[in-house]
Protein backbone atom coordinates (compact mmCIF):
# COMPACT_ATOMS: atom_id res chain seq x y z
CA MET A 1 151.00 98.03 99.51
CA ASN A 2 149.98 101.42 98.07
CA ASP A 3 146.44 102.51 97.20
CA TYR A 4 146.87 101.82 93.49
CA GLU A 5 147.92 98.25 94.19
CA THR A 6 145.11 97.83 96.68
CA ASN A 7 142.53 99.05 94.20
CA ASN A 8 143.83 96.86 91.42
CA ARG A 9 143.76 93.82 93.65
CA ALA A 10 140.24 94.58 94.81
CA LEU A 11 138.93 95.29 91.35
CA SER A 12 140.23 92.33 89.31
CA ALA A 13 136.72 90.95 89.18
CA LYS A 14 137.22 88.33 86.49
CA ALA A 15 140.38 86.95 88.13
CA LEU A 16 138.84 86.88 91.60
CA LEU A 17 135.78 85.01 90.41
CA ALA A 18 137.93 82.51 88.57
CA ALA A 19 140.19 82.00 91.59
CA PHE A 20 137.18 81.03 93.71
CA ASP A 21 135.52 79.07 90.89
CA LEU A 22 132.55 81.44 90.81
CA LYS A 23 130.45 82.87 88.00
CA PRO A 24 128.25 85.99 88.05
CA LYS A 25 124.59 85.23 88.66
CA LYS A 26 122.79 86.94 85.83
CA ALA A 27 119.36 86.38 87.36
CA LYS A 28 120.48 88.34 90.42
CA GLY A 29 121.85 91.23 88.38
CA GLN A 30 125.47 90.64 89.34
CA ASN A 31 127.66 93.00 87.33
CA PHE A 32 130.90 93.98 89.06
CA LEU A 33 132.89 97.18 88.65
CA ALA A 34 135.97 96.16 86.71
CA ASP A 35 137.82 99.44 86.19
CA PRO A 36 140.15 100.70 88.96
CA ALA A 37 139.90 104.29 87.75
CA THR A 38 136.11 104.16 87.92
CA ALA A 39 136.18 102.86 91.47
CA ARG A 40 138.59 105.57 92.55
CA ALA A 41 136.38 108.21 90.93
CA CYS A 42 133.31 106.80 92.70
CA VAL A 43 134.99 107.00 96.07
CA GLU A 44 136.46 110.45 95.49
CA ARG A 45 133.12 111.89 94.41
CA ALA A 46 131.40 110.37 97.41
CA ASP A 47 133.42 112.91 99.42
CA LEU A 48 133.77 110.71 102.50
CA SER A 49 135.29 112.03 105.71
CA PRO A 50 137.28 110.16 108.40
CA ASP A 51 134.24 110.44 110.68
CA ASP A 52 131.82 108.77 108.27
CA SER A 53 130.41 105.29 108.68
CA VAL A 54 129.43 103.78 105.35
CA LEU A 55 126.58 101.34 104.84
CA GLU A 56 127.46 99.62 101.59
CA ILE A 57 124.72 97.62 99.92
CA GLY A 58 125.92 94.86 97.62
CA PRO A 59 129.70 95.16 97.97
CA GLY A 60 130.26 92.21 95.64
CA LEU A 61 134.00 91.70 95.27
CA GLY A 62 134.99 94.85 97.13
CA ALA A 63 135.59 97.25 94.24
CA LEU A 64 134.28 100.14 96.33
CA THR A 65 134.53 98.58 99.77
CA ILE A 66 138.30 98.56 100.01
CA PRO A 67 139.02 102.10 98.74
CA MET A 68 136.14 103.45 100.87
CA SER A 69 137.70 101.88 103.95
CA ARG A 70 140.77 104.09 103.32
CA LYS A 71 138.61 107.21 103.49
CA ALA A 72 135.95 106.48 106.10
CA LYS A 73 135.84 105.52 109.75
CA GLN A 74 134.28 102.18 108.93
CA VAL A 75 132.43 100.30 106.20
CA ILE A 76 129.52 98.00 106.99
CA ALA A 77 128.99 95.89 103.88
CA VAL A 78 125.72 93.98 103.46
CA GLU A 79 126.06 91.16 100.93
CA TRP A 80 123.37 88.50 100.45
CA ASP A 81 125.57 86.15 98.38
CA SER A 82 127.53 83.98 100.82
CA ASN A 83 130.11 83.05 98.18
CA LEU A 84 130.89 86.68 97.42
CA ALA A 85 131.01 87.46 101.13
CA LYS A 86 133.72 84.81 101.52
CA VAL A 87 135.75 86.30 98.66
CA LEU A 88 135.51 89.73 100.22
CA GLU A 89 136.48 88.37 103.64
CA ASN A 90 139.53 86.78 102.05
CA GLN A 91 140.55 90.09 100.48
CA ILE A 92 140.07 92.04 103.69
CA GLU A 93 142.11 89.55 105.68
CA SER A 94 144.95 89.50 103.15
CA LEU A 95 145.10 93.31 103.14
CA GLY A 96 145.01 93.56 106.93
CA LEU A 97 141.98 95.88 106.98
CA SER A 98 140.24 96.14 110.33
CA ASN A 99 137.48 98.69 109.72
CA ILE A 100 135.26 96.61 107.42
CA THR A 101 132.37 94.50 108.71
CA ILE A 102 130.64 92.08 106.35
CA LEU A 103 127.04 91.09 107.01
CA ASN A 104 125.88 88.13 104.93
CA GLN A 105 122.26 89.28 104.80
CA ASP A 106 119.49 90.39 102.48
CA ILE A 107 119.30 94.20 102.65
CA LEU A 108 115.52 94.08 102.25
CA LYS A 109 115.32 92.06 105.48
CA THR A 110 118.24 93.60 107.38
CA ASP A 111 117.55 95.72 110.47
CA ILE A 112 119.20 98.88 109.18
CA ARG A 113 118.09 100.90 112.19
CA ARG A 114 120.06 98.55 114.42
CA ILE A 115 123.10 98.85 112.16
CA ALA A 116 122.89 102.64 112.24
CA GLY A 117 122.49 102.64 116.02
CA GLN A 118 125.61 100.55 116.48
CA ALA A 119 127.60 102.60 113.97
CA GLY A 120 126.81 105.96 115.54
CA GLY A 121 126.28 109.18 113.60
CA ASN A 122 127.56 110.44 110.25
CA MET A 123 126.22 107.51 108.30
CA VAL A 124 126.18 107.48 104.51
CA VAL A 125 125.03 104.87 102.02
CA ALA A 126 126.91 103.65 98.97
CA ALA A 127 125.65 101.00 96.59
CA ASN A 128 126.06 99.43 93.19
CA LEU A 129 122.51 98.16 93.34
CA PRO A 130 121.36 94.98 91.61
CA TYR A 131 118.90 96.22 89.01
CA ASN A 132 116.17 93.81 90.10
CA ILE A 133 115.81 95.33 93.59
CA SER A 134 116.86 98.94 93.01
CA SER A 135 113.43 100.50 93.53
CA GLN A 136 112.71 98.44 96.65
CA VAL A 137 116.03 99.41 98.23
CA LEU A 138 115.54 103.10 97.45
CA ILE A 139 112.07 103.12 99.01
CA ARG A 140 113.45 101.41 102.11
CA LEU A 141 116.18 104.04 102.40
CA ILE A 142 113.62 106.82 101.98
CA GLN A 143 111.50 105.37 104.77
CA ASN A 144 114.57 105.29 107.04
CA ARG A 145 116.28 108.44 105.79
CA ASP A 146 116.53 109.97 109.24
CA LEU A 147 119.47 107.57 109.76
CA PHE A 148 121.60 108.88 106.89
CA LYS A 149 123.27 112.08 105.74
CA LYS A 150 123.29 111.11 102.09
CA ALA A 151 123.52 108.22 99.65
CA ALA A 152 125.37 107.57 96.42
CA LEU A 153 123.48 104.91 94.48
CA MET A 154 124.12 103.34 91.10
CA PHE A 155 121.07 102.63 88.96
CA GLN A 156 120.22 101.46 85.49
CA THR A 157 119.97 104.67 83.46
CA GLU A 158 116.29 104.04 82.72
CA LEU A 159 115.46 104.05 86.43
CA ALA A 160 117.71 107.04 87.11
CA ARG A 161 115.80 108.94 84.42
CA ARG A 162 112.51 108.05 86.12
CA ILE A 163 113.81 109.22 89.50
CA MET A 164 114.82 112.58 88.02
CA ALA A 165 111.73 113.03 85.81
CA GLU A 166 109.49 116.09 85.64
CA PRO A 167 105.68 115.90 85.86
CA GLY A 168 103.75 115.27 82.69
CA GLY A 169 105.68 112.43 81.06
CA LYS A 170 105.59 108.65 81.12
CA ASP A 171 108.82 108.49 83.17
CA TYR A 172 107.17 110.37 86.04
CA GLY A 173 105.81 107.91 88.57
CA ARG A 174 105.62 106.70 92.14
CA ILE A 175 109.39 106.38 92.62
CA THR A 176 109.86 109.91 91.22
CA VAL A 177 107.53 111.50 93.73
CA LEU A 178 108.87 109.62 96.74
CA ALA A 179 112.50 110.30 95.83
CA GLN A 180 112.03 113.99 95.07
CA TYR A 181 109.83 114.55 98.12
CA SER A 182 112.43 113.08 100.46
CA SER A 183 115.70 114.18 98.84
CA ARG A 184 117.67 116.66 96.84
CA ILE A 185 119.12 114.63 93.99
CA ARG A 186 121.92 115.19 91.53
CA VAL A 187 123.61 113.09 88.89
CA LEU A 188 127.21 112.31 89.82
CA TYR A 189 128.28 110.52 86.65
CA SER A 190 127.32 107.97 84.01
CA LEU A 191 128.91 104.59 83.29
CA GLY A 192 128.78 102.45 80.18
CA PRO A 193 128.81 98.64 79.97
CA ALA A 194 132.60 98.54 79.51
CA HIS A 195 133.06 99.57 83.15
CA PHE A 196 131.60 96.26 84.37
CA TYR A 197 132.25 92.53 84.31
CA PRO A 198 130.31 90.94 82.80
CA LYS A 199 129.16 93.77 80.54
CA PRO A 200 125.47 94.56 81.05
CA GLN A 201 123.19 95.45 78.18
CA VAL A 202 122.38 98.86 79.67
CA ASP A 203 124.10 102.04 80.81
CA SER A 204 124.23 103.08 84.46
CA GLN A 205 124.12 106.34 86.39
CA VAL A 206 125.18 107.23 89.91
CA LEU A 207 122.78 109.54 91.71
CA GLU A 208 123.54 111.34 94.96
CA PHE A 209 120.70 111.82 97.43
CA PHE A 210 120.84 114.46 100.15
CA PHE A 211 118.03 113.39 102.42
CA LYS A 212 115.58 115.95 103.79
CA GLU A 213 114.32 115.83 107.35
CA PRO A 214 110.76 114.50 107.64
CA ASP A 215 108.12 117.24 107.72
CA PRO A 216 106.11 116.88 110.94
CA ALA A 217 103.09 118.35 109.17
CA VAL A 218 103.02 115.44 106.71
CA ASN A 219 101.79 111.97 107.61
CA GLU A 220 104.14 110.02 105.37
CA ASP A 221 102.18 106.79 105.66
CA ILE A 222 99.21 108.58 104.11
CA LEU A 223 101.40 110.39 101.55
CA PHE A 224 103.02 107.17 100.39
CA ALA A 225 99.63 105.44 100.23
CA VAL A 226 98.11 108.30 98.19
CA VAL A 227 101.02 108.26 95.75
CA LYS A 228 100.80 104.46 95.42
CA ALA A 229 97.05 104.59 94.80
CA ALA A 230 97.31 107.40 92.27
CA PHE A 231 99.92 105.65 90.13
CA ALA A 232 98.51 102.13 90.53
CA LYS A 233 95.82 103.09 88.02
CA ARG A 234 97.50 105.95 86.27
CA ARG A 235 95.10 105.93 83.32
CA LYS A 236 92.22 106.67 85.65
CA THR A 237 91.34 110.10 86.93
CA LEU A 238 92.61 110.89 90.40
CA LYS A 239 89.13 110.70 91.88
CA ASN A 240 88.56 107.21 90.49
CA ALA A 241 92.06 106.01 91.34
CA LEU A 242 91.79 107.14 94.96
CA SER A 243 88.25 105.87 95.55
CA ASN A 244 89.05 102.44 94.07
CA SER A 245 92.20 101.79 96.07
CA GLU A 246 93.33 100.37 99.40
CA LEU A 247 92.67 103.77 100.97
CA PRO A 248 89.50 103.88 103.10
CA PHE A 249 87.99 106.41 100.71
CA SER A 250 84.54 106.80 99.21
CA GLY A 251 84.08 108.73 96.00
CA ASP A 252 82.72 111.67 97.98
CA GLN A 253 85.71 111.66 100.32
CA ALA A 254 88.12 111.55 97.40
CA GLN A 255 86.28 114.50 95.84
CA ALA A 256 86.43 116.43 99.12
CA ALA A 257 90.18 115.84 99.50
CA LEU A 258 90.85 116.91 95.93
CA ASP A 259 88.71 120.03 96.37
CA GLU A 260 90.56 121.03 99.54
CA ALA A 261 93.93 120.50 97.85
CA GLY A 262 92.81 122.60 94.87
CA ILE A 263 93.25 119.73 92.41
CA ALA A 264 90.74 119.03 89.65
CA PRO A 265 89.33 115.50 90.05
CA GLN A 266 89.73 114.68 86.35
CA ARG A 267 93.50 115.13 86.45
CA ARG A 268 95.79 112.10 86.36
CA ALA A 269 98.66 111.20 88.66
CA GLU A 270 101.50 112.04 86.27
CA THR A 271 100.36 115.68 86.05
CA LEU A 272 100.72 116.43 89.78
CA SER A 273 103.85 118.03 91.19
CA VAL A 274 105.43 116.74 94.38
CA ASP A 275 104.00 119.71 96.27
CA GLU A 276 100.51 118.92 94.98
CA PHE A 277 100.84 115.33 96.19
CA VAL A 278 101.83 116.65 99.63
CA ALA A 279 98.78 118.97 99.67
CA LEU A 280 96.56 116.07 98.60
CA ALA A 281 97.95 113.82 101.34
CA LYS A 282 97.24 116.45 103.98
CA ALA A 283 93.67 116.80 102.74
CA ALA A 284 93.25 113.03 102.51
CA GLY A 285 94.40 112.66 106.10
CA LYS A 286 91.47 114.78 107.27
CA GLN A 287 89.04 112.58 105.37
CA ILE A 288 90.50 109.35 106.74
CA GLN A 289 90.40 110.44 110.39
């Protein structure tokens, strides 16, 4: 069987679901890639090498899983839906593929450090993320980014726009700062509803993340807590947001941290650059100690 036939077989989402008497679960954000050309483009642009191990989150029916297995050393596919995992297992077995491992688990509860340790180096992430858990998955990857070279992740366009936002607008928020602090990000391509089955009501974008090494001078627990506190009450001034948060901060300590970071206390979270948040976290760390 050639690659074109393999891709077509893997990507006939509607037919596969019907064959196994399954229906997409709308509440879980199940929208499957239905276009063979789109899947091939996704895999080609991921620029996988024969030495790469791929952690795929939400493989669904295998639209990306199967073509990725032709390019990479191995694919470790984490799928929470046991019915979909069985469909994918059936496809893998019928195609005689031996470098795909399916884990029927919830990615938010999966021990990804253990997976990475067993897979070895050169690990990349690929995912057509369910819209309802996209932000949670991205934050988890950021917190464990030392395990991965890069990630290619599909998001609802609205969330992708927030991730790529500049300071000063309503799209700029917690997820923006964390993503841009930890990664270099670029847009790979955009996809409309017609590329999926069933058709969603929104457009999608694939973003590529090249993860940065953690900065030893930055306590990321404090940084993430400062960013969370600042945006939790984004209408408040930074001084008020920080001093009325889960951080062990008094108003005077918040003022001292802002002064040291060179940030006016009346500013609001959406006006700070990523670098200013880093400076604020360093100053906050001195106040917390």
